[in-house]
Amino acid sequence: MGSSQKRAIQNYRSRLGERGLVRFEVLGKDADRDLIRSLARRLSEDTPEASELRATVSKSIVGETPKPGGILAALRRSPLVDADLDLSRPREEGRKVDL
């Protein structure tokens, strides 16, 4: 690659940087090429729709973080909440062991 081509690429990438964009490479299936390109194009826009799309994709990939108290909330949703269960155990001293 000649020096003029390197300079042109460097100028292009610096202009991208001024707009807050970077260039990177991803690997994927050929069938997903158009989808990935259109997704990248939409995410590069500075619009509320792009922010919403970014949040949706992030939530889909990462998943929701569990909230504190999730176990307690699950137990409260249990069908056994109002059941009259006797969960007390008799206190036993145990057996005698001859050492």
N, C-alpha and C. Protein backbone atom coordinates (compact mmCIF):
# COMPACT_ATOMS: atom_id res chain seq x y z
N MET A 1 0.85 -1.17 0.00
CA MET A 1 0.00 0.00 0.00
C MET A 1 0.89 1.23 0.00
N GLY A 2 0.61 2.14 -0.90
CA GLY A 2 1.41 3.35 -1.01
C GLY A 2 1.15 4.32 0.12
N SER A 3 2.05 5.31 0.23
CA SER A 3 1.93 6.28 1.33
C SER A 3 0.67 7.14 1.16
N SER A 4 0.26 7.40 -0.08
CA SER A 4 -0.96 8.20 -0.29
C SER A 4 -2.19 7.43 0.18
N GLN A 5 -2.20 6.12 -0.02
CA GLN A 5 -3.33 5.31 0.45
C GLN A 5 -3.36 5.26 1.98
N LYS A 6 -2.19 5.11 2.59
CA LYS A 6 -2.12 5.10 4.06
C LYS A 6 -2.60 6.43 4.62
N ARG A 7 -2.19 7.50 3.99
CA ARG A 7 -2.59 8.84 4.44
C ARG A 7 -4.10 9.03 4.29
N ALA A 8 -4.66 8.53 3.19
CA ALA A 8 -6.10 8.64 2.96
C ALA A 8 -6.88 7.85 4.02
N ILE A 9 -6.41 6.66 4.34
CA ILE A 9 -7.06 5.85 5.38
C ILE A 9 -6.94 6.54 6.73
N GLN A 10 -5.76 7.08 7.03
CA GLN A 10 -5.56 7.77 8.30
C GLN A 10 -6.47 9.00 8.40
N ASN A 11 -6.59 9.75 7.32
CA ASN A 11 -7.48 10.92 7.31
C ASN A 11 -8.95 10.50 7.49
N TYR A 12 -9.34 9.42 6.82
CA TYR A 12 -10.71 8.93 6.93
C TYR A 12 -11.01 8.51 8.37
N ARG A 13 -10.09 7.78 8.97
CA ARG A 13 -10.31 7.32 10.34
C ARG A 13 -10.28 8.47 11.35
N SER A 14 -9.49 9.49 11.09
CA SER A 14 -9.49 10.64 12.00
C SER A 14 -10.81 11.42 11.87
N ARG A 15 -11.36 11.49 10.65
CA ARG A 15 -12.68 12.13 10.49
C ARG A 15 -13.77 11.34 11.20
N LEU A 16 -13.66 10.01 11.14
CA LEU A 16 -14.60 9.17 11.88
C LEU A 16 -14.48 9.44 13.38
N GLY A 17 -13.26 9.55 13.85
CA GLY A 17 -13.01 9.81 15.27
C GLY A 17 -13.59 11.14 15.73
N GLU A 18 -13.54 12.13 14.86
CA GLU A 18 -14.14 13.43 15.19
C GLU A 18 -15.64 13.33 15.35
N ARG A 19 -16.26 12.38 14.63
CA ARG A 19 -17.71 12.16 14.76
C ARG A 19 -18.04 11.20 15.89
N GLY A 20 -17.00 10.70 16.60
CA GLY A 20 -17.22 9.78 17.71
C GLY A 20 -17.38 8.34 17.28
N LEU A 21 -16.91 8.01 16.08
CA LEU A 21 -17.04 6.66 15.56
C LEU A 21 -15.67 6.00 15.45
N VAL A 22 -15.66 4.69 15.52
CA VAL A 22 -14.44 3.93 15.29
C VAL A 22 -14.77 2.80 14.33
N ARG A 23 -13.75 2.31 13.69
CA ARG A 23 -13.92 1.22 12.75
C ARG A 23 -13.42 -0.05 13.42
N PHE A 24 -14.20 -1.12 13.31
CA PHE A 24 -13.75 -2.41 13.84
C PHE A 24 -14.32 -3.52 12.99
N GLU A 25 -13.75 -4.69 13.16
CA GLU A 25 -14.11 -5.83 12.34
C GLU A 25 -14.83 -6.86 13.21
N VAL A 26 -15.88 -7.46 12.66
CA VAL A 26 -16.60 -8.51 13.36
C VAL A 26 -16.67 -9.74 12.46
N LEU A 27 -16.81 -10.89 13.09
CA LEU A 27 -16.98 -12.14 12.36
C LEU A 27 -18.42 -12.60 12.50
N GLY A 28 -18.98 -13.09 11.42
CA GLY A 28 -20.35 -13.57 11.46
C GLY A 28 -20.66 -14.38 10.23
N LYS A 29 -21.87 -14.87 10.18
CA LYS A 29 -22.30 -15.65 9.02
C LYS A 29 -22.61 -14.71 7.86
N ASP A 30 -22.41 -15.21 6.67
CA ASP A 30 -22.63 -14.41 5.47
C ASP A 30 -24.09 -13.98 5.37
N ALA A 31 -25.00 -14.83 5.84
CA ALA A 31 -26.43 -14.50 5.77
C ALA A 31 -26.78 -13.31 6.66
N ASP A 32 -25.97 -13.04 7.69
CA ASP A 32 -26.23 -11.95 8.61
C ASP A 32 -25.55 -10.64 8.23
N ARG A 33 -24.87 -10.63 7.11
CA ARG A 33 -24.09 -9.46 6.70
C ARG A 33 -24.94 -8.19 6.64
N ASP A 34 -26.07 -8.25 5.96
CA ASP A 34 -26.92 -7.06 5.82
C ASP A 34 -27.51 -6.64 7.16
N LEU A 35 -27.87 -7.63 7.98
CA LEU A 35 -28.42 -7.32 9.29
C LEU A 35 -27.40 -6.60 10.16
N ILE A 36 -26.18 -7.10 10.20
CA ILE A 36 -25.13 -6.49 11.02
C ILE A 36 -24.81 -5.08 10.51
N ARG A 37 -24.74 -4.93 9.21
CA ARG A 37 -24.44 -3.60 8.65
C ARG A 37 -25.54 -2.60 8.95
N SER A 38 -26.81 -3.03 8.81
CA SER A 38 -27.91 -2.10 9.09
C SER A 38 -27.98 -1.79 10.59
N LEU A 39 -27.69 -2.78 11.43
CA LEU A 39 -27.66 -2.54 12.86
C LEU A 39 -26.55 -1.55 13.23
N ALA A 40 -25.37 -1.74 12.65
CA ALA A 40 -24.26 -0.82 12.92
C ALA A 40 -24.58 0.58 12.41
N ARG A 41 -25.21 0.67 11.27
CA ARG A 41 -25.58 1.97 10.72
C ARG A 41 -26.56 2.69 11.63
N ARG A 42 -27.58 1.97 12.12
CA ARG A 42 -28.57 2.56 13.01
C ARG A 42 -27.95 2.95 14.36
N LEU A 43 -27.04 2.12 14.88
CA LEU A 43 -26.41 2.43 16.17
C LEU A 43 -25.45 3.61 16.07
N SER A 44 -24.93 3.88 14.89
CA SER A 44 -23.99 4.99 14.73
C SER A 44 -24.70 6.35 14.72
N GLU A 45 -26.00 6.35 14.54
CA GLU A 45 -26.76 7.59 14.54
C GLU A 45 -26.92 8.10 15.97
N ASP A 46 -27.02 9.38 16.11
CA ASP A 46 -27.19 9.98 17.44
C ASP A 46 -28.64 10.39 17.60
N THR A 47 -29.53 9.38 17.66
CA THR A 47 -30.96 9.64 17.76
C THR A 47 -31.54 8.88 18.95
N PRO A 48 -32.71 9.27 19.41
CA PRO A 48 -33.36 8.51 20.48
C PRO A 48 -33.68 7.07 20.08
N GLU A 49 -33.99 6.87 18.79
CA GLU A 49 -34.26 5.52 18.31
C GLU A 49 -33.01 4.64 18.41
N ALA A 50 -31.85 5.21 18.13
CA ALA A 50 -30.60 4.46 18.24
C ALA A 50 -30.33 4.12 19.70
N SER A 51 -30.61 5.03 20.61
CA SER A 51 -30.42 4.75 22.03
C SER A 51 -31.36 3.64 22.50
N GLU A 52 -32.59 3.68 22.02
CA GLU A 52 -33.56 2.64 22.39
C GLU A 52 -33.13 1.29 21.82
N LEU A 53 -32.67 1.28 20.58
CA LEU A 53 -32.20 0.05 19.96
C LEU A 53 -30.98 -0.49 20.71
N ARG A 54 -30.06 0.38 21.09
CA ARG A 54 -28.87 -0.01 21.83
C ARG A 54 -29.26 -0.66 23.16
N ALA A 55 -30.22 -0.06 23.86
CA ALA A 55 -30.67 -0.60 25.14
C ALA A 55 -31.35 -1.96 24.96
N THR A 56 -32.15 -2.08 23.91
CA THR A 56 -32.85 -3.35 23.66
C THR A 56 -31.87 -4.46 23.33
N VAL A 57 -30.90 -4.17 22.47
CA VAL A 57 -29.91 -5.18 22.09
C VAL A 57 -29.06 -5.56 23.29
N SER A 58 -28.63 -4.57 24.08
CA SER A 58 -27.83 -4.86 25.26
C SER A 58 -28.59 -5.72 26.25
N LYS A 59 -29.85 -5.38 26.46
CA LYS A 59 -30.68 -6.15 27.40
C LYS A 59 -30.86 -7.57 26.89
N SER A 60 -31.03 -7.73 25.59
CA SER A 60 -31.22 -9.05 25.01
C SER A 60 -29.97 -9.91 25.13
N ILE A 61 -28.81 -9.31 24.93
CA ILE A 61 -27.57 -10.06 24.96
C ILE A 61 -27.11 -10.35 26.38
N VAL A 62 -27.10 -9.32 27.19
CA VAL A 62 -26.60 -9.46 28.56
C VAL A 62 -27.66 -10.10 29.45
N GLY A 63 -28.90 -9.79 29.22
CA GLY A 63 -29.96 -10.25 30.09
C GLY A 63 -30.13 -9.27 31.24
N GLU A 64 -31.23 -9.40 31.91
CA GLU A 64 -31.49 -8.50 33.01
C GLU A 64 -30.69 -8.95 34.23
N THR A 65 -30.18 -7.98 34.93
CA THR A 65 -29.46 -8.31 36.16
C THR A 65 -30.47 -8.60 37.25
N PRO A 66 -30.21 -9.61 38.04
CA PRO A 66 -31.15 -9.93 39.10
C PRO A 66 -31.20 -8.82 40.13
N LYS A 67 -32.39 -8.52 40.58
CA LYS A 67 -32.56 -7.46 41.56
C LYS A 67 -32.38 -8.04 42.96
N PRO A 68 -31.90 -7.23 43.90
CA PRO A 68 -31.77 -7.72 45.27
C PRO A 68 -33.14 -8.11 45.83
N GLY A 69 -33.15 -9.17 46.61
CA GLY A 69 -34.39 -9.63 47.20
C GLY A 69 -35.18 -10.55 46.29
N GLY A 70 -34.55 -11.05 45.25
CA GLY A 70 -35.25 -11.89 44.29
C GLY A 70 -35.71 -13.21 44.88
N ILE A 71 -34.91 -13.78 45.78
CA ILE A 71 -35.28 -15.06 46.39
C ILE A 71 -36.49 -14.86 47.30
N LEU A 72 -36.47 -13.79 48.08
CA LEU A 72 -37.59 -13.51 48.97
C LEU A 72 -38.87 -13.26 48.18
N ALA A 73 -38.76 -12.53 47.08
CA ALA A 73 -39.94 -12.28 46.23
C ALA A 73 -40.46 -13.58 45.64
N ALA A 74 -39.58 -14.48 45.24
CA ALA A 74 -40.01 -15.77 44.68
C ALA A 74 -40.70 -16.60 45.75
N LEU A 75 -40.18 -16.59 46.96
CA LEU A 75 -40.82 -17.34 48.03
C LEU A 75 -42.20 -16.77 48.35
N ARG A 76 -42.34 -15.46 48.27
CA ARG A 76 -43.65 -14.85 48.54
C ARG A 76 -44.67 -15.16 47.45
N ARG A 77 -44.21 -15.46 46.24
CA ARG A 77 -45.12 -15.83 45.15
C ARG A 77 -45.47 -17.31 45.18
N SER A 78 -44.85 -18.07 46.06
CA SER A 78 -45.05 -19.51 46.12
C SER A 78 -46.51 -19.85 46.45
N PRO A 79 -47.04 -20.92 45.86
CA PRO A 79 -48.41 -21.32 46.18
C PRO A 79 -48.57 -21.82 47.62
N LEU A 80 -47.49 -22.10 48.31
CA LEU A 80 -47.55 -22.59 49.68
C LEU A 80 -47.56 -21.47 50.72
N VAL A 81 -47.67 -20.21 50.28
CA VAL A 81 -47.61 -19.09 51.21
C VAL A 81 -48.72 -19.16 52.24
N ASP A 82 -49.95 -19.42 51.84
CA ASP A 82 -51.07 -19.45 52.77
C ASP A 82 -51.39 -20.84 53.28
N ALA A 83 -50.59 -21.83 52.94
CA ALA A 83 -50.85 -23.19 53.41
C ALA A 83 -50.44 -23.30 54.87
N ASP A 84 -51.24 -24.03 55.63
CA ASP A 84 -50.93 -24.25 57.05
C ASP A 84 -50.03 -25.48 57.17
N LEU A 85 -48.76 -25.27 57.03
CA LEU A 85 -47.80 -26.36 57.15
C LEU A 85 -47.14 -26.30 58.52
N ASP A 86 -47.02 -27.46 59.14
CA ASP A 86 -46.33 -27.55 60.42
C ASP A 86 -44.89 -27.97 60.12
N LEU A 87 -44.00 -27.01 60.17
CA LEU A 87 -42.60 -27.29 59.83
C LEU A 87 -41.72 -27.44 61.07
N SER A 88 -42.33 -27.54 62.24
CA SER A 88 -41.54 -27.70 63.46
C SER A 88 -41.05 -29.14 63.55
N ARG A 89 -39.88 -29.32 64.14
CA ARG A 89 -39.29 -30.65 64.31
C ARG A 89 -39.12 -30.93 65.79
N PRO A 90 -39.28 -32.17 66.16
CA PRO A 90 -39.05 -32.49 67.57
C PRO A 90 -37.56 -32.40 67.89
N ARG A 91 -37.25 -31.89 69.05
CA ARG A 91 -35.86 -31.75 69.47
C ARG A 91 -35.39 -33.08 70.05
N GLU A 92 -34.37 -33.66 69.49
CA GLU A 92 -33.81 -34.92 69.97
C GLU A 92 -32.37 -34.67 70.40
N GLU A 93 -32.00 -35.29 71.48
CA GLU A 93 -30.64 -35.13 72.02
C GLU A 93 -29.61 -35.94 71.24
N GLY A 94 -30.03 -36.94 70.53
CA GLY A 94 -29.09 -37.76 69.80
C GLY A 94 -28.81 -39.05 70.55
N ARG A 95 -27.95 -39.86 70.03
CA ARG A 95 -27.66 -41.15 70.66
C ARG A 95 -26.37 -41.07 71.44
N LYS A 96 -26.24 -41.95 72.39
CA LYS A 96 -25.01 -42.04 73.20
C LYS A 96 -23.95 -42.79 72.41
N VAL A 97 -22.77 -42.25 72.39
CA VAL A 97 -21.67 -42.87 71.69
C VAL A 97 -20.57 -43.16 72.68
N ASP A 98 -20.09 -44.40 72.67
CA ASP A 98 -19.01 -44.79 73.58
C ASP A 98 -17.69 -44.67 72.84
N LEU A 99 -16.90 -43.72 73.26
CA LEU A 99 -15.61 -43.52 72.61
C LEU A 99 -14.60 -44.25 73.43
